[in-house]
Amino acid sequence: MHKTLYLGACLSLLVLIFLCLSWELWLAPLRPGGSWMALKALPLLLPLLGILRGKRYTYQWASMLILAYFAEGVVRAAGDNGTAPALALVEALLALVFFVSAIFYARLTRESQPRSG
């Protein structure tokens, strides 16, 4: 189970980084020729190494970071035109997969702690 959650988090994060870059540079940029919105992929690089190394703490804080990408996906799916809504739905789905994988990975890798009471 740990391996499945690890792979889900790693793959969804890597694909989300690729999606953010390709969306804003080639697939459906806000401006022809690319957009500065491609910089939204930069925050996703911060947890990448920790996620790939299976660091529990990184999974915990990255699960909060990814919620911004979920929110952007939902908002842009409802408000954009052309191919952008489909890309936004994929973004929201990838963010959701990462969130669920990260939360359960962090929970399952928790060190056993004695329960009080």
PDB file of N, CA and C in Angstrom:
ATOM      1  N   MET A   1       0.823  -1.199   0.000  1.00  0.00           N
ATOM      2  CA  MET A   1       0.000   0.000   0.000  1.00  0.00           C
ATOM      3  C   MET A   1       0.868   1.264   0.000  1.00  0.00           C
ATOM      4  N   HIS A   2       1.952   1.252   0.787  1.00  0.00           N
ATOM      5  CA  HIS A   2       2.847   2.404   0.826  1.00  0.00           C
ATOM      6  C   HIS A   2       3.396   2.697  -0.573  1.00  0.00           C
ATOM      7  N   LYS A   3       3.766   1.635  -1.275  1.00  0.00           N
ATOM      8  CA  LYS A   3       4.363   1.783  -2.608  1.00  0.00           C
ATOM      9  C   LYS A   3       3.366   2.406  -3.585  1.00  0.00           C
ATOM     10  N   THR A   4       2.114   1.984  -3.514  1.00  0.00           N
ATOM     11  CA  THR A   4       1.076   2.520  -4.399  1.00  0.00           C
ATOM     12  C   THR A   4       0.851   4.009  -4.132  1.00  0.00           C
ATOM     13  N   LEU A   5       0.781   4.379  -2.858  1.00  0.00           N
ATOM     14  CA  LEU A   5       0.592   5.786  -2.506  1.00  0.00           C
ATOM     15  C   LEU A   5       1.808   6.614  -2.902  1.00  0.00           C
ATOM     16  N   TYR A   6       2.983   6.069  -2.709  1.00  0.00           N
ATOM     17  CA  TYR A   6       4.217   6.743  -3.106  1.00  0.00           C
ATOM     18  C   TYR A   6       4.218   6.997  -4.612  1.00  0.00           C
ATOM     19  N   LEU A   7       3.911   5.965  -5.381  1.00  0.00           N
ATOM     20  CA  LEU A   7       3.878   6.110  -6.840  1.00  0.00           C
ATOM     21  C   LEU A   7       2.790   7.079  -7.286  1.00  0.00           C
ATOM     22  N   GLY A   8       1.629   7.033  -6.631  1.00  0.00           N
ATOM     23  CA  GLY A   8       0.551   7.962  -6.967  1.00  0.00           C
ATOM     24  C   GLY A   8       0.961   9.407  -6.747  1.00  0.00           C
ATOM     25  N   ALA A   9       1.621   9.666  -5.621  1.00  0.00           N
ATOM     26  CA  ALA A   9       2.065  11.024  -5.318  1.00  0.00           C
ATOM     27  C   ALA A   9       3.156  11.468  -6.286  1.00  0.00           C
ATOM     28  N   CYS A  10       4.138  10.609  -6.504  1.00  0.00           N
ATOM     29  CA  CYS A  10       5.254  10.969  -7.400  1.00  0.00           C
ATOM     30  C   CYS A  10       4.775  11.235  -8.818  1.00  0.00           C
ATOM     31  N   LEU A  11       3.996  10.310  -9.346  1.00  0.00           N
ATOM     32  CA  LEU A  11       3.538  10.454 -10.733  1.00  0.00           C
ATOM     33  C   LEU A  11       2.607  11.644 -10.913  1.00  0.00           C
ATOM     34  N   SER A  12       1.676  11.825  -9.982  1.00  0.00           N
ATOM     35  CA  SER A  12       0.748  12.949 -10.136  1.00  0.00           C
ATOM     36  C   SER A  12       1.483  14.284 -10.025  1.00  0.00           C
ATOM     37  N   LEU A  13       2.484  14.377  -9.161  1.00  0.00           N
ATOM     38  CA  LEU A  13       3.252  15.621  -9.046  1.00  0.00           C
ATOM     39  C   LEU A  13       4.067  15.882 -10.309  1.00  0.00           C
ATOM     40  N   LEU A  14       4.732  14.862 -10.823  1.00  0.00           N
ATOM     41  CA  LEU A  14       5.525  15.038 -12.039  1.00  0.00           C
ATOM     42  C   LEU A  14       4.650  15.404 -13.242  1.00  0.00           C
ATOM     43  N   VAL A  15       3.524  14.740 -13.377  1.00  0.00           N
ATOM     44  CA  VAL A  15       2.616  15.048 -14.489  1.00  0.00           C
ATOM     45  C   VAL A  15       2.019  16.438 -14.322  1.00  0.00           C
ATOM     46  N   LEU A  16       1.729  16.831 -13.091  1.00  0.00           N
ATOM     47  CA  LEU A  16       1.191  18.169 -12.850  1.00  0.00           C
ATOM     48  C   LEU A  16       2.207  19.252 -13.213  1.00  0.00           C
ATOM     49  N   ILE A  17       3.456  19.034 -12.897  1.00  0.00           N
ATOM     50  CA  ILE A  17       4.503  19.985 -13.291  1.00  0.00           C
ATOM     51  C   ILE A  17       4.555  20.100 -14.814  1.00  0.00           C
ATOM     52  N   PHE A  18       4.570  18.960 -15.488  1.00  0.00           N
ATOM     53  CA  PHE A  18       4.597  18.955 -16.946  1.00  0.00           C
ATOM     54  C   PHE A  18       3.354  19.623 -17.526  1.00  0.00           C
ATOM     55  N   LEU A  19       2.188  19.343 -16.942  1.00  0.00           N
ATOM     56  CA  LEU A  19       0.936  19.947 -17.416  1.00  0.00           C
ATOM     57  C   LEU A  19       0.966  21.460 -17.276  1.00  0.00           C
ATOM     58  N   CYS A  20       1.387  21.950 -16.121  1.00  0.00           N
ATOM     59  CA  CYS A  20       1.429  23.401 -15.903  1.00  0.00           C
ATOM     60  C   CYS A  20       2.327  24.091 -16.922  1.00  0.00           C
ATOM     61  N   LEU A  21       3.475  23.502 -17.169  1.00  0.00           N
ATOM     62  CA  LEU A  21       4.394  24.101 -18.143  1.00  0.00           C
ATOM     63  C   LEU A  21       3.838  24.034 -19.565  1.00  0.00           C
ATOM     64  N   SER A  22       3.385  22.863 -19.977  1.00  0.00           N
ATOM     65  CA  SER A  22       2.906  22.730 -21.354  1.00  0.00           C
ATOM     66  C   SER A  22       1.621  23.519 -21.585  1.00  0.00           C
ATOM     67  N   TRP A  23       0.762  23.599 -20.595  1.00  0.00           N
ATOM     68  CA  TRP A  23      -0.489  24.350 -20.712  1.00  0.00           C
ATOM     69  C   TRP A  23      -0.197  25.817 -20.973  1.00  0.00           C
ATOM     70  N   GLU A  24       0.652  26.419 -20.155  1.00  0.00           N
ATOM     71  CA  GLU A  24       0.888  27.865 -20.247  1.00  0.00           C
ATOM     72  C   GLU A  24       1.915  28.260 -21.304  1.00  0.00           C
ATOM     73  N   LEU A  25       2.662  27.308 -21.820  1.00  0.00           N
ATOM     74  CA  LEU A  25       3.642  27.642 -22.861  1.00  0.00           C
ATOM     75  C   LEU A  25       3.183  27.261 -24.262  1.00  0.00           C
ATOM     76  N   TRP A  26       2.425  26.140 -24.412  1.00  0.00           N
ATOM     77  CA  TRP A  26       2.089  25.665 -25.752  1.00  0.00           C
ATOM     78  C   TRP A  26       0.623  25.329 -25.969  1.00  0.00           C
ATOM     79  N   LEU A  27       0.006  24.615 -25.043  1.00  0.00           N
ATOM     80  CA  LEU A  27      -1.328  24.066 -25.305  1.00  0.00           C
ATOM     81  C   LEU A  27      -2.437  25.108 -25.335  1.00  0.00           C
ATOM     82  N   ALA A  28      -2.504  25.950 -24.312  1.00  0.00           N
ATOM     83  CA  ALA A  28      -3.561  26.966 -24.252  1.00  0.00           C
ATOM     84  C   ALA A  28      -3.102  28.145 -23.400  1.00  0.00           C
ATOM     85  N   PRO A  29      -2.024  28.819 -23.829  1.00  0.00           N
ATOM     86  CA  PRO A  29      -1.516  29.939 -23.021  1.00  0.00           C
ATOM     87  C   PRO A  29      -2.503  31.108 -23.009  1.00  0.00           C
ATOM     88  N   LEU A  30      -2.390  31.928 -21.974  1.00  0.00           N
ATOM     89  CA  LEU A  30      -3.248  33.109 -21.893  1.00  0.00           C
ATOM     90  C   LEU A  30      -2.948  34.078 -23.027  1.00  0.00           C
ATOM     91  N   ARG A  31      -1.687  34.142 -23.442  1.00  0.00           N
ATOM     92  CA  ARG A  31      -1.268  34.997 -24.562  1.00  0.00           C
ATOM     93  C   ARG A  31      -0.576  34.135 -25.607  1.00  0.00           C
ATOM     94  N   PRO A  32      -0.740  34.447 -26.873  1.00  0.00           N
ATOM     95  CA  PRO A  32      -0.051  33.678 -27.920  1.00  0.00           C
ATOM     96  C   PRO A  32       1.463  33.691 -27.700  1.00  0.00           C
ATOM     97  N   GLY A  33       2.076  32.543 -27.873  1.00  0.00           N
ATOM     98  CA  GLY A  33       3.515  32.444 -27.716  1.00  0.00           C
ATOM     99  C   GLY A  33       3.956  32.089 -26.305  1.00  0.00           C
ATOM    100  N   GLY A  34       3.025  31.924 -25.399  1.00  0.00           N
ATOM    101  CA  GLY A  34       3.380  31.549 -24.028  1.00  0.00           C
ATOM    102  C   GLY A  34       2.994  32.617 -23.034  1.00  0.00           C
ATOM    103  N   SER A  35       2.995  32.235 -21.795  1.00  0.00           N
ATOM    104  CA  SER A  35       2.530  33.131 -20.750  1.00  0.00           C
ATOM    105  C   SER A  35       3.426  32.992 -19.527  1.00  0.00           C
ATOM    106  N   TRP A  36       3.514  34.076 -18.758  1.00  0.00           N
ATOM    107  CA  TRP A  36       4.252  34.046 -17.495  1.00  0.00           C
ATOM    108  C   TRP A  36       3.571  33.134 -16.484  1.00  0.00           C
ATOM    109  N   MET A  37       2.347  32.740 -16.760  1.00  0.00           N
ATOM    110  CA  MET A  37       1.637  31.817 -15.878  1.00  0.00           C
ATOM    111  C   MET A  37       2.357  30.474 -15.772  1.00  0.00           C
ATOM    112  N   ALA A  38       3.280  30.201 -16.672  1.00  0.00           N
ATOM    113  CA  ALA A  38       4.071  28.964 -16.603  1.00  0.00           C
ATOM    114  C   ALA A  38       4.887  28.920 -15.312  1.00  0.00           C
ATOM    115  N   LEU A  39       5.118  30.086 -14.726  1.00  0.00           N
ATOM    116  CA  LEU A  39       5.868  30.133 -13.464  1.00  0.00           C
ATOM    117  C   LEU A  39       5.111  29.478 -12.310  1.00  0.00           C
ATOM    118  N   LYS A  40       3.829  29.196 -12.525  1.00  0.00           N
ATOM    119  CA  LYS A  40       3.067  28.524 -11.471  1.00  0.00           C
ATOM    120  C   LYS A  40       3.592  27.118 -11.212  1.00  0.00           C
ATOM    121  N   ALA A  41       4.403  26.594 -12.108  1.00  0.00           N
ATOM    122  CA  ALA A  41       5.005  25.273 -11.909  1.00  0.00           C
ATOM    123  C   ALA A  41       6.161  25.318 -10.913  1.00  0.00           C
ATOM    124  N   LEU A  42       6.747  26.489 -10.689  1.00  0.00           N
ATOM    125  CA  LEU A  42       7.900  26.589  -9.783  1.00  0.00           C
ATOM    126  C   LEU A  42       7.622  26.123  -8.356  1.00  0.00           C
ATOM    127  N   PRO A  43       6.525  26.514  -7.726  1.00  0.00           N
ATOM    128  CA  PRO A  43       6.286  26.012  -6.366  1.00  0.00           C
ATOM    129  C   PRO A  43       6.180  24.489  -6.284  1.00  0.00           C
ATOM    130  N   LEU A  44       5.794  23.858  -7.385  1.00  0.00           N
ATOM    131  CA  LEU A  44       5.698  22.399  -7.391  1.00  0.00           C
ATOM    132  C   LEU A  44       7.068  21.733  -7.351  1.00  0.00           C
ATOM    133  N   LEU A  45       8.096  22.486  -7.718  1.00  0.00           N
ATOM    134  CA  LEU A  45       9.452  21.926  -7.672  1.00  0.00           C
ATOM    135  C   LEU A  45       9.997  21.867  -6.247  1.00  0.00           C
ATOM    136  N   LEU A  46       9.466  22.703  -5.360  1.00  0.00           N
ATOM    137  CA  LEU A  46       9.955  22.731  -3.983  1.00  0.00           C
ATOM    138  C   LEU A  46       9.822  21.389  -3.265  1.00  0.00           C
ATOM    139  N   PRO A  47       8.673  20.719  -3.337  1.00  0.00           N
ATOM    140  CA  PRO A  47       8.571  19.444  -2.627  1.00  0.00           C
ATOM    141  C   PRO A  47       9.054  18.239  -3.436  1.00  0.00           C
ATOM    142  N   LEU A  48       9.433  18.436  -4.690  1.00  0.00           N
ATOM    143  CA  LEU A  48       9.707  17.302  -5.579  1.00  0.00           C
ATOM    144  C   LEU A  48      10.749  16.337  -5.016  1.00  0.00           C
ATOM    145  N   LEU A  49      11.872  16.831  -4.570  1.00  0.00           N
ATOM    146  CA  LEU A  49      12.934  15.958  -4.073  1.00  0.00           C
ATOM    147  C   LEU A  49      12.481  15.193  -2.829  1.00  0.00           C
ATOM    148  N   GLY A  50      11.821  15.872  -1.913  1.00  0.00           N
ATOM    149  CA  GLY A  50      11.328  15.208  -0.707  1.00  0.00           C
ATOM    150  C   GLY A  50      10.273  14.153  -1.008  1.00  0.00           C
ATOM    151  N   ILE A  51       9.429  14.431  -1.986  1.00  0.00           N
ATOM    152  CA  ILE A  51       8.404  13.463  -2.386  1.00  0.00           C
ATOM    153  C   ILE A  51       9.069  12.237  -2.998  1.00  0.00           C
ATOM    154  N   LEU A  52      10.027  12.459  -3.885  1.00  0.00           N
ATOM    155  CA  LEU A  52      10.715  11.335  -4.518  1.00  0.00           C
ATOM    156  C   LEU A  52      11.501  10.505  -3.507  1.00  0.00           C
ATOM    157  N   ARG A  53      11.985  11.137  -2.456  1.00  0.00           N
ATOM    158  CA  ARG A  53      12.739  10.430  -1.417  1.00  0.00           C
ATOM    159  C   ARG A  53      11.836   9.819  -0.345  1.00  0.00           C
ATOM    160  N   GLY A  54      10.546  10.084  -0.417  1.00  0.00           N
ATOM    161  CA  GLY A  54       9.603   9.499   0.529  1.00  0.00           C
ATOM    162  C   GLY A  54       9.625  10.144   1.902  1.00  0.00           C
ATOM    163  N   LYS A  55       9.978  11.416   1.983  1.00  0.00           N
ATOM    164  CA  LYS A  55      10.039  12.131   3.262  1.00  0.00           C
ATOM    165  C   LYS A  55       8.621  12.471   3.739  1.00  0.00           C
ATOM    166  N   ARG A  56       8.260  11.924   4.869  1.00  0.00           N
ATOM    167  CA  ARG A  56       6.909  12.097   5.407  1.00  0.00           C
ATOM    168  C   ARG A  56       6.552  13.561   5.620  1.00  0.00           C
ATOM    169  N   TYR A  57       7.470  14.333   6.173  1.00  0.00           N
ATOM    170  CA  TYR A  57       7.205  15.752   6.440  1.00  0.00           C
ATOM    171  C   TYR A  57       6.885  16.499   5.143  1.00  0.00           C
ATOM    172  N   THR A  58       7.576  16.178   4.065  1.00  0.00           N
ATOM    173  CA  THR A  58       7.316  16.823   2.770  1.00  0.00           C
ATOM    174  C   THR A  58       5.919  16.467   2.274  1.00  0.00           C
ATOM    175  N   TYR A  59       5.532  15.226   2.465  1.00  0.00           N
ATOM    176  CA  TYR A  59       4.180  14.815   2.072  1.00  0.00           C
ATOM    177  C   TYR A  59       3.135  15.621   2.838  1.00  0.00           C
ATOM    178  N   GLN A  60       3.414  15.888   4.101  1.00  0.00           N
ATOM    179  CA  GLN A  60       2.456  16.630   4.921  1.00  0.00           C
ATOM    180  C   GLN A  60       2.274  18.056   4.422  1.00  0.00           C
ATOM    181  N   TRP A  61       3.364  18.808   4.248  1.00  0.00           N
ATOM    182  CA  TRP A  61       3.186  20.204   3.851  1.00  0.00           C
ATOM    183  C   TRP A  61       2.832  20.344   2.378  1.00  0.00           C
ATOM    184  N   ALA A  62       3.301  19.414   1.547  1.00  0.00           N
ATOM    185  CA  ALA A  62       2.965  19.497   0.122  1.00  0.00           C
ATOM    186  C   ALA A  62       1.479  19.234  -0.111  1.00  0.00           C
ATOM    187  N   SER A  63       0.856  18.472   0.778  1.00  0.00           N
ATOM    188  CA  SER A  63      -0.579  18.224   0.632  1.00  0.00           C
ATOM    189  C   SER A  63      -1.373  19.514   0.806  1.00  0.00           C
ATOM    190  N   MET A  64      -0.827  20.466   1.554  1.00  0.00           N
ATOM    191  CA  MET A  64      -1.502  21.760   1.705  1.00  0.00           C
ATOM    192  C   MET A  64      -1.214  22.660   0.489  1.00  0.00           C
ATOM    193  N   LEU A  65      -0.005  22.622  -0.009  1.00  0.00           N
ATOM    194  CA  LEU A  65       0.377  23.407  -1.189  1.00  0.00           C
ATOM    195  C   LEU A  65      -0.476  23.042  -2.400  1.00  0.00           C
ATOM    196  N   ILE A  66      -0.727  21.758  -2.555  1.00  0.00           N
ATOM    197  CA  ILE A  66      -1.415  21.279  -3.755  1.00  0.00           C
ATOM    198  C   ILE A  66      -2.859  21.750  -3.825  1.00  0.00           C
ATOM    199  N   LEU A  67      -3.419  22.158  -2.698  1.00  0.00           N
ATOM    200  CA  LEU A  67      -4.809  22.623  -2.695  1.00  0.00           C
ATOM    201  C   LEU A  67      -4.989  23.885  -3.542  1.00  0.00           C
ATOM    202  N   ALA A  68      -3.940  24.698  -3.659  1.00  0.00           N
ATOM    203  CA  ALA A  68      -4.020  25.890  -4.519  1.00  0.00           C
ATOM    204  C   ALA A  68      -4.189  25.479  -5.986  1.00  0.00           C
ATOM    205  N   TYR A  69      -3.552  24.391  -6.383  1.00  0.00           N
ATOM    206  CA  TYR A  69      -3.659  23.914  -7.766  1.00  0.00           C
ATOM    207  C   TYR A  69      -5.027  23.284  -8.011  1.00  0.00           C
ATOM    208  N   PHE A  70      -5.559  22.631  -6.998  1.00  0.00           N
ATOM    209  CA  PHE A  70      -6.918  22.095  -7.115  1.00  0.00           C
ATOM    210  C   PHE A  70      -7.915  23.243  -7.301  1.00  0.00           C
ATOM    211  N   ALA A  71      -7.764  24.276  -6.481  1.00  0.00           N
ATOM    212  CA  ALA A  71      -8.665  25.427  -6.569  1.00  0.00           C
ATOM    213  C   ALA A  71      -8.549  26.112  -7.930  1.00  0.00           C
ATOM    214  N   GLU A  72      -7.318  26.292  -8.417  1.00  0.00           N
ATOM    215  CA  GLU A  72      -7.145  26.913  -9.725  1.00  0.00           C
ATOM    216  C   GLU A  72      -7.802  26.071 -10.810  1.00  0.00           C
ATOM    217  N   GLY A  73      -7.639  24.760 -10.731  1.00  0.00           N
ATOM    218  CA  GLY A  73      -8.245  23.881 -11.727  1.00  0.00           C
ATOM    219  C   GLY A  73      -9.753  23.989 -11.756  1.00  0.00           C
ATOM    220  N   VAL A  74     -10.365  24.031 -10.588  1.00  0.00           N
ATOM    221  CA  VAL A  74     -11.826  24.128 -10.516  1.00  0.00           C
ATOM    222  C   VAL A  74     -12.300  25.477 -11.051  1.00  0.00           C
ATOM    223  N   VAL A  75     -11.627  26.552 -10.650  1.00  0.00           N
ATOM    224  CA  VAL A  75     -12.029  27.893 -11.091  1.00  0.00           C
ATOM    225  C   VAL A  75     -11.849  28.065 -12.592  1.00  0.00           C
ATOM    226  N   ARG A  76     -10.711  27.631 -13.104  1.00  0.00           N
ATOM    227  CA  ARG A  76     -10.465  27.800 -14.542  1.00  0.00           C
ATOM    228  C   ARG A  76     -11.312  26.860 -15.388  1.00  0.00           C
ATOM    229  N   ALA A  77     -11.687  25.713 -14.845  1.00  0.00           N
ATOM    230  CA  ALA A  77     -12.577  24.809 -15.578  1.00  0.00           C
ATOM    231  C   ALA A  77     -13.945  25.460 -15.776  1.00  0.00           C
ATOM    232  N   ALA A  78     -14.364  26.261 -14.804  1.00  0.00           N
ATOM    233  CA  ALA A  78     -15.668  26.912 -14.889  1.00  0.00           C
ATOM    234  C   ALA A  78     -15.628  28.210 -15.687  1.00  0.00           C
ATOM    235  N   GLY A  79     -14.458  28.875 -15.753  1.00  0.00           N
ATOM    236  CA  GLY A  79     -14.441  30.208 -16.330  1.00  0.00           C
ATOM    237  C   GLY A  79     -13.685  30.401 -17.625  1.00  0.00           C
ATOM    238  N   ASP A  80     -12.823  29.478 -18.004  1.00  0.00           N
ATOM    239  CA  ASP A  80     -12.027  29.651 -19.222  1.00  0.00           C
ATOM    240  C   ASP A  80     -12.767  29.129 -20.453  1.00  0.00           C
ATOM    241  N   ASN A  81     -12.202  29.439 -21.615  1.00  0.00           N
ATOM    242  CA  ASN A  81     -12.777  29.012 -22.893  1.00  0.00           C
ATOM    243  C   ASN A  81     -11.777  28.141 -23.640  1.00  0.00           C
ATOM    244  N   GLY A  82     -12.247  27.460 -24.668  1.00  0.00           N
ATOM    245  CA  GLY A  82     -11.379  26.662 -25.527  1.00  0.00           C
ATOM    246  C   GLY A  82     -10.962  25.356 -24.865  1.00  0.00           C
ATOM    247  N   THR A  83      -9.682  25.030 -24.997  1.00  0.00           N
ATOM    248  CA  THR A  83      -9.166  23.788 -24.407  1.00  0.00           C
ATOM    249  C   THR A  83      -8.790  23.948 -22.940  1.00  0.00           C
ATOM    250  N   ALA A  84      -8.746  25.168 -22.456  1.00  0.00           N
ATOM    251  CA  ALA A  84      -8.340  25.418 -21.075  1.00  0.00           C
ATOM    252  C   ALA A  84      -9.222  24.714 -20.037  1.00  0.00           C
ATOM    253  N   PRO A  85     -10.544  24.652 -20.193  1.00  0.00           N
ATOM    254  CA  PRO A  85     -11.343  23.939 -19.182  1.00  0.00           C
ATOM    255  C   PRO A  85     -10.980  22.457 -19.051  1.00  0.00           C
ATOM    256  N   ALA A  86     -10.689  21.807 -20.158  1.00  0.00           N
ATOM    257  CA  ALA A  86     -10.291  20.397 -20.098  1.00  0.00           C
ATOM    258  C   ALA A  86      -8.953  20.258 -19.375  1.00  0.00           C
ATOM    259  N   LEU A  87      -8.019  21.151 -19.682  1.00  0.00           N
ATOM    260  CA  LEU A  87      -6.725  21.130 -19.004  1.00  0.00           C
ATOM    261  C   LEU A  87      -6.893  21.425 -17.516  1.00  0.00           C
ATOM    262  N   ALA A  88      -7.795  22.322 -17.202  1.00  0.00           N
ATOM    263  CA  ALA A  88      -8.048  22.673 -15.808  1.00  0.00           C
ATOM    264  C   ALA A  88      -8.640  21.489 -15.040  1.00  0.00           C
ATOM    265  N   LEU A  89      -9.508  20.743 -15.685  1.00  0.00           N
ATOM    266  CA  LEU A  89     -10.062  19.555 -15.028  1.00  0.00           C
ATOM    267  C   LEU A  89      -8.982  18.507 -14.773  1.00  0.00           C
ATOM    268  N   VAL A  90      -8.081  18.357 -15.715  1.00  0.00           N
ATOM    269  CA  VAL A  90      -6.953  17.432 -15.520  1.00  0.00           C
ATOM    270  C   VAL A  90      -6.086  17.919 -14.368  1.00  0.00           C
ATOM    271  N   GLU A  91      -5.851  19.237 -14.306  1.00  0.00           N
ATOM    272  CA  GLU A  91      -5.074  19.797 -13.204  1.00  0.00           C
ATOM    273  C   GLU A  91      -5.745  19.506 -11.857  1.00  0.00           C
ATOM    274  N   ALA A  92      -7.044  19.727 -11.778  1.00  0.00           N
ATOM    275  CA  ALA A  92      -7.770  19.472 -10.529  1.00  0.00           C
ATOM    276  C   ALA A  92      -7.727  17.988 -10.165  1.00  0.00           C
ATOM    277  N   LEU A  93      -7.856  17.118 -11.149  1.00  0.00           N
ATOM    278  CA  LEU A  93      -7.806  15.680 -10.907  1.00  0.00           C
ATOM    279  C   LEU A  93      -6.425  15.247 -10.414  1.00  0.00           C
ATOM    280  N   LEU A  94      -5.366  15.756 -11.046  1.00  0.00           N
ATOM    281  CA  LEU A  94      -4.003  15.433 -10.614  1.00  0.00           C
ATOM    282  C   LEU A  94      -3.737  15.948  -9.204  1.00  0.00           C
ATOM    283  N   ALA A  95      -4.214  17.137  -8.915  1.00  0.00           N
ATOM    284  CA  ALA A  95      -4.045  17.691  -7.568  1.00  0.00           C
ATOM    285  C   ALA A  95      -4.786  16.841  -6.541  1.00  0.00           C
ATOM    286  N   LEU A  96      -5.965  16.368  -6.906  1.00  0.00           N
ATOM    287  CA  LEU A  96      -6.739  15.520  -6.001  1.00  0.00           C
ATOM    288  C   LEU A  96      -6.040  14.177  -5.766  1.00  0.00           C
ATOM    289  N   VAL A  97      -5.509  13.591  -6.820  1.00  0.00           N
ATOM    290  CA  VAL A  97      -4.767  12.326  -6.687  1.00  0.00           C
ATOM    291  C   VAL A  97      -3.558  12.529  -5.781  1.00  0.00           C
ATOM    292  N   PHE A  98      -2.823  13.623  -5.996  1.00  0.00           N
ATOM    293  CA  PHE A  98      -1.667  13.892  -5.144  1.00  0.00           C
ATOM    294  C   PHE A  98      -2.102  14.083  -3.699  1.00  0.00           C
ATOM    295  N   PHE A  99      -3.137  14.866  -3.472  1.00  0.00           N
ATOM    296  CA  PHE A  99      -3.605  15.156  -2.119  1.00  0.00           C
ATOM    297  C   PHE A  99      -3.962  13.872  -1.371  1.00  0.00           C
ATOM    298  N   VAL A 100      -4.769  13.038  -1.993  1.00  0.00           N
ATOM    299  CA  VAL A 100      -5.194  11.795  -1.345  1.00  0.00           C
ATOM    300  C   VAL A 100      -3.995  10.879  -1.106  1.00  0.00           C
ATOM    301  N   SER A 101      -3.135  10.740  -2.103  1.00  0.00           N
ATOM    302  CA  SER A 101      -1.945   9.895  -1.953  1.00  0.00           C
ATOM    303  C   SER A 101      -1.045  10.409  -0.843  1.00  0.00           C
ATOM    304  N   ALA A 102      -0.826  11.707  -0.804  1.00  0.00           N
ATOM    305  CA  ALA A 102       0.072  12.290   0.199  1.00  0.00           C
ATOM    306  C   ALA A 102      -0.493  12.153   1.601  1.00  0.00           C
ATOM    307  N   ILE A 103      -1.775  12.406   1.762  1.00  0.00           N
ATOM    308  CA  ILE A 103      -2.403  12.304   3.081  1.00  0.00           C
ATOM    309  C   ILE A 103      -2.317  10.874   3.611  1.00  0.00           C
ATOM    310  N   PHE A 104      -2.675   9.909   2.784  1.00  0.00           N
ATOM    311  CA  PHE A 104      -2.652   8.526   3.241  1.00  0.00           C
ATOM    312  C   PHE A 104      -1.229   8.000   3.399  1.00  0.00           C
ATOM    313  N   TYR A 105      -0.308   8.452   2.557  1.00  0.00           N
ATOM    314  CA  TYR A 105       1.093   8.053   2.720  1.00  0.00           C
ATOM    315  C   TYR A 105       1.624   8.566   4.059  1.00  0.00           C
ATOM    316  N   ALA A 106       1.360   9.813   4.367  1.00  0.00           N
ATOM    317  CA  ALA A 106       1.817  10.390   5.632  1.00  0.00           C
ATOM    318  C   ALA A 106       1.180   9.660   6.814  1.00  0.00           C
ATOM    319  N   ARG A 107      -0.065   9.304   6.673  1.00  0.00           N
ATOM    320  CA  ARG A 107      -0.754   8.600   7.765  1.00  0.00           C
ATOM    321  C   ARG A 107      -0.197   7.193   7.965  1.00  0.00           C
ATOM    322  N   LEU A 108       0.053   6.482   6.871  1.00  0.00           N
ATOM    323  CA  LEU A 108       0.541   5.111   6.977  1.00  0.00           C
ATOM    324  C   LEU A 108       2.007   5.025   7.390  1.00  0.00           C
ATOM    325  N   THR A 109       2.769   6.074   7.147  1.00  0.00           N
ATOM    326  CA  THR A 109       4.170   6.050   7.526  1.00  0.00           C
ATOM    327  C   THR A 109       4.417   6.692   8.887  1.00  0.00           C
ATOM    328  N   ARG A 110       3.362   7.037   9.575  1.00  0.00           N
ATOM    329  CA  ARG A 110       3.479   7.628  10.898  1.00  0.00           C
ATOM    330  C   ARG A 110       4.126   6.612  11.833  1.00  0.00           C
ATOM    331  N   GLU A 111       5.086   7.099  12.613  1.00  0.00           N
ATOM    332  CA  GLU A 111       5.710   6.229  13.594  1.00  0.00           C
ATOM    333  C   GLU A 111       4.684   5.883  14.649  1.00  0.00           C
ATOM    334  N   SER A 112       4.746   4.658  15.121  1.00  0.00           N
ATOM    335  CA  SER A 112       3.768   4.261  16.137  1.00  0.00           C
ATOM    336  C   SER A 112       4.027   5.055  17.412  1.00  0.00           C
ATOM    337  N   GLN A 113       2.971   5.698  17.865  1.00  0.00           N
ATOM    338  CA  GLN A 113       3.060   6.522  19.060  1.00  0.00           C
ATOM    339  C   GLN A 113       2.163   5.916  20.134  1.00  0.00           C
ATOM    340  N   PRO A 114       2.638   5.873  21.368  1.00  0.00           N
ATOM    341  CA  PRO A 114       1.776   5.337  22.422  1.00  0.00           C
ATOM    342  C   PRO A 114       0.558   6.246  22.613  1.00  0.00           C
ATOM    343  N   ARG A 115      -0.567   5.631  22.753  1.00  0.00           N
ATOM    344  CA  ARG A 115      -1.814   6.403  22.937  1.00  0.00           C
ATOM    345  C   ARG A 115      -2.008   6.664  24.412  1.00  0.00           C
ATOM    346  N   SER A 116      -2.394   7.888  24.694  1.00  0.00           N
ATOM    347  CA  SER A 116      -2.659   8.228  26.105  1.00  0.00           C
ATOM    348  C   SER A 116      -4.147   8.102  26.364  1.00  0.00           C
ATOM    349  N   GLY A 117      -4.452   7.712  27.569  1.00  0.00           N
ATOM    350  CA  GLY A 117      -5.833   7.706  28.005  1.00  0.00           C
ATOM    351  C   GLY A 117      -6.501   6.465  27.748  1.00  0.00           C
TER     352      GLY A 117
END
